[in-house]
Amino acid sequence: MKRFGASVRCQREKVGLSQEKLAELANVHRTYISGMERGLQNISLLTMIKLAKALSVELDKLLSDI
């Protein structure tokens, strides 16, 4: 969970999105993004897909560092 969260954070920062904007684009709560990036959220596959779409990357890109 920590490595996936770090991967999302890295990609989010690359595209210049705030946690709040990413949450809005992925239709999740901002605090969920914060917890997920810190490895505290057990994230579902559906949410992983939403995040990848919001970040305009393929899901395998987010999973490649795990």
Protein backbone atom coordinates (compact mmCIF):
# COMPACT_ATOMS: atom_id res chain seq x y z
CA MET A 1 0.00 0.00 0.00
CA LYS A 2 2.86 2.38 0.80
CA ARG A 3 4.57 1.79 -2.53
CA PHE A 4 1.35 2.28 -4.49
CA GLY A 5 0.67 5.49 -2.56
CA ALA A 6 4.18 6.73 -3.27
CA SER A 7 3.71 5.93 -6.94
CA VAL A 8 0.47 7.92 -7.06
CA ARG A 9 2.09 10.84 -5.22
CA CYS A 10 5.02 10.88 -7.63
CA GLN A 11 2.73 10.85 -10.66
CA ARG A 12 0.42 13.46 -9.12
CA GLU A 13 3.36 15.79 -8.53
CA LYS A 14 4.68 15.20 -12.07
CA VAL A 15 1.40 16.40 -13.57
CA GLY A 16 1.10 19.26 -11.07
CA LEU A 17 -2.11 18.26 -9.31
CA SER A 18 -2.94 18.95 -5.69
CA GLN A 19 -4.40 16.16 -3.56
CA GLU A 20 -7.68 18.06 -3.62
CA LYS A 21 -7.77 18.30 -7.42
CA LEU A 22 -6.85 14.63 -7.84
CA ALA A 23 -9.61 13.68 -5.41
CA GLU A 24 -12.09 15.77 -7.39
CA LEU A 25 -11.04 14.19 -10.71
CA ALA A 26 -11.16 10.66 -9.28
CA ASN A 27 -14.40 11.31 -7.40
CA VAL A 28 -13.00 10.42 -3.96
CA HIS A 29 -12.56 12.47 -0.79
CA ARG A 30 -9.38 14.50 -0.35
CA THR A 31 -8.57 12.81 2.94
CA TYR A 32 -8.73 9.45 1.14
CA ILE A 33 -5.96 10.64 -1.22
CA SER A 34 -3.87 11.75 1.74
CA GLY A 35 -4.30 8.43 3.53
CA MET A 36 -3.69 6.44 0.37
CA GLU A 37 -0.46 8.31 -0.39
CA ARG A 38 0.75 7.55 3.14
CA GLY A 39 -0.11 3.85 2.76
CA LEU A 40 -2.98 3.92 5.24
CA GLN A 41 -5.79 3.06 2.82
CA ASN A 42 -6.42 -0.42 1.47
CA ILE A 43 -7.31 0.76 -2.00
CA SER A 44 -9.73 -1.11 -4.28
CA LEU A 45 -9.10 -1.96 -7.92
CA LEU A 46 -11.93 0.35 -8.96
CA THR A 47 -10.32 3.27 -7.13
CA MET A 48 -6.94 2.43 -8.68
CA ILE A 49 -8.56 2.67 -12.11
CA LYS A 50 -10.19 6.00 -11.22
CA LEU A 51 -6.85 7.40 -10.06
CA ALA A 52 -5.05 6.24 -13.19
CA LYS A 53 -7.69 7.91 -15.37
CA ALA A 54 -7.54 11.11 -13.31
CA LEU A 55 -3.75 11.14 -13.71
CA SER A 56 -4.00 10.31 -17.45
CA VAL A 57 -1.76 7.25 -17.11
CA GLU A 58 -2.26 3.54 -17.60
CA LEU A 59 -2.81 1.60 -14.38
CA ASP A 60 0.27 -0.51 -15.04
CA LYS A 61 2.35 2.70 -14.80
CA LEU A 62 1.16 3.19 -11.22
CA LEU A 63 1.72 -0.47 -10.41
CA SER A 64 5.14 -0.77 -12.03
CA ASP A 65 7.03 0.41 -8.93
CA ILE A 66 5.35 -2.02 -6.59
